[in-house]
């Protein structure tokens, strides 16, 4: 009897969640220029975690091709200039210089959008 009650309650909770998602919409994480700017500044300050970096580099930015180009530049840079130490993202001196150039490129893009 307990099994049937548990099964029915579980189905009700799942159905309620589906109804809520249907009318409210699924949660969406949308990366904007401001998010990338904050991340790059955090990386340059050596306070960004590898999880922060992985979320940024692992998710294509379909809504803005220019931001996706910046993401791809960071992915390419990661392969040659990045290491991880104590859960933090660390770039070499050359990588930090290139990140600063990417940050400048991002700021120029933001000015064009405004």
Protein backbone atom coordinates (compact mmCIF):
# COMPACT_ATOMS: atom_id res chain seq x y z
CA UNK A 1 0.00 0.00 0.00
CA UNK A 2 2.84 2.40 0.83
CA UNK A 3 4.37 1.70 -2.57
CA UNK A 4 1.18 2.72 -4.40
CA UNK A 5 0.84 5.91 -2.35
CA UNK A 6 4.48 6.80 -3.02
CA UNK A 7 4.06 6.08 -6.74
CA UNK A 8 0.91 8.21 -7.01
CA UNK A 9 2.48 11.12 -5.12
CA UNK A 10 5.60 10.94 -7.27
CA UNK A 11 3.54 10.99 -10.44
CA UNK A 12 1.58 13.99 -9.15
CA UNK A 13 4.77 15.92 -8.39
CA UNK A 14 6.22 15.11 -11.83
CA UNK A 15 2.99 16.12 -13.57
CA UNK A 16 2.86 19.36 -11.57
CA UNK A 17 6.44 20.15 -12.58
CA UNK A 18 5.63 19.49 -16.24
CA UNK A 19 2.58 21.76 -16.09
CA UNK A 20 4.61 24.54 -14.44
CA UNK A 21 7.38 24.23 -17.05
CA UNK A 22 4.77 24.26 -19.82
CA UNK A 23 3.27 27.58 -18.76
CA UNK A 24 6.28 29.28 -17.18
CA UNK A 25 8.93 27.93 -19.52
CA UNK A 26 12.13 26.04 -18.94
CA UNK A 27 14.95 27.87 -17.22
CA UNK A 28 17.48 29.23 -19.72
CA UNK A 29 21.06 30.33 -19.08
CA UNK A 30 21.89 33.04 -21.58
CA UNK A 31 25.46 34.34 -21.69
CA UNK A 32 25.72 38.06 -22.36
CA UNK A 33 28.71 40.33 -22.93
CA UNK A 34 28.62 41.50 -19.31
CA UNK A 35 28.93 37.88 -18.09
CA UNK A 36 31.96 37.31 -20.30
CA UNK A 37 33.54 40.58 -19.20
CA UNK A 38 33.17 39.64 -15.54
CA UNK A 39 34.60 36.19 -16.18
CA UNK A 40 37.63 37.49 -18.08
CA UNK A 41 38.34 40.04 -15.36
CA UNK A 42 38.05 37.28 -12.79
CA UNK A 43 40.44 35.09 -14.80
CA UNK A 44 42.94 37.94 -15.06
CA UNK A 45 42.68 38.43 -11.28
CA UNK A 46 43.19 34.65 -10.91
CA UNK A 47 39.97 34.23 -8.93
CA UNK A 48 37.90 32.36 -11.55
CA UNK A 49 37.16 28.72 -10.85
CA UNK A 50 37.55 26.00 -13.41
CA UNK A 51 33.78 25.43 -13.19
CA UNK A 52 33.15 29.07 -14.21
CA UNK A 53 35.47 28.67 -17.15
CA UNK A 54 34.01 25.31 -18.22
CA UNK A 55 30.45 26.67 -18.23
CA UNK A 56 31.54 29.54 -20.48
CA UNK A 57 33.68 27.53 -22.90
CA UNK A 58 31.43 24.49 -23.02
CA UNK A 59 28.20 26.17 -24.11
CA UNK A 60 27.85 27.61 -27.64
CA UNK A 61 26.34 31.11 -27.76
CA UNK A 62 23.75 30.76 -30.51
CA UNK A 63 22.02 34.10 -29.99
CA UNK A 64 25.13 36.22 -30.66
CA UNK A 65 27.73 35.06 -33.23
CA UNK A 66 30.23 37.73 -32.14
CA UNK A 67 30.17 36.52 -28.54
CA UNK A 68 30.55 32.95 -29.77
CA UNK A 69 33.67 33.99 -31.72
CA UNK A 70 35.09 35.39 -28.48
CA UNK A 71 34.19 32.13 -26.71
CA UNK A 72 35.99 30.16 -29.42
CA UNK A 73 39.07 32.37 -29.07
CA UNK A 74 39.08 31.54 -25.37
CA UNK A 75 38.72 27.83 -26.12
CA UNK A 76 41.73 27.96 -28.45
CA UNK A 77 43.71 29.90 -25.87
CA UNK A 78 42.78 27.38 -23.19
CA UNK A 79 44.44 24.57 -25.11
CA UNK A 80 47.87 26.17 -25.10
CA UNK A 81 48.08 28.72 -22.29
CA UNK A 82 45.85 27.55 -19.42
CA UNK A 83 46.53 25.42 -16.38
CA UNK A 84 44.44 24.67 -13.34
CA UNK A 85 45.75 25.09 -9.81
CA UNK A 86 43.68 24.50 -6.67
CA UNK A 87 40.46 24.71 -8.68
CA UNK A 88 41.44 28.08 -10.16
CA UNK A 89 42.08 28.93 -13.80
CA UNK A 90 45.65 30.14 -14.34
CA UNK A 91 46.97 31.47 -17.64
CA UNK A 92 50.59 32.01 -18.65
CA UNK A 93 51.88 35.55 -19.18
CA UNK A 94 51.29 35.23 -22.94
CA UNK A 95 47.80 33.89 -22.29
CA UNK A 96 47.00 36.74 -19.91
CA UNK A 97 48.09 39.23 -22.58
CA UNK A 98 45.82 37.57 -25.13
CA UNK A 99 42.95 37.52 -22.62
CA UNK A 100 43.41 41.25 -22.11
CA UNK A 101 43.20 41.73 -25.89
CA UNK A 102 40.02 39.63 -25.97
CA UNK A 103 38.61 41.76 -23.15
CA UNK A 104 39.41 44.91 -25.16
CA UNK A 105 37.71 43.34 -28.20
CA UNK A 106 34.66 42.57 -26.05
CA UNK A 107 34.51 46.15 -24.74
CA UNK A 108 34.67 47.47 -28.32
CA UNK A 109 31.80 45.12 -29.23
CA UNK A 110 29.77 46.35 -26.28
CA UNK A 111 30.29 49.98 -27.33
CA UNK A 112 29.05 49.15 -30.84
CA UNK A 113 25.92 47.50 -29.44
CA UNK A 114 25.05 50.55 -27.33
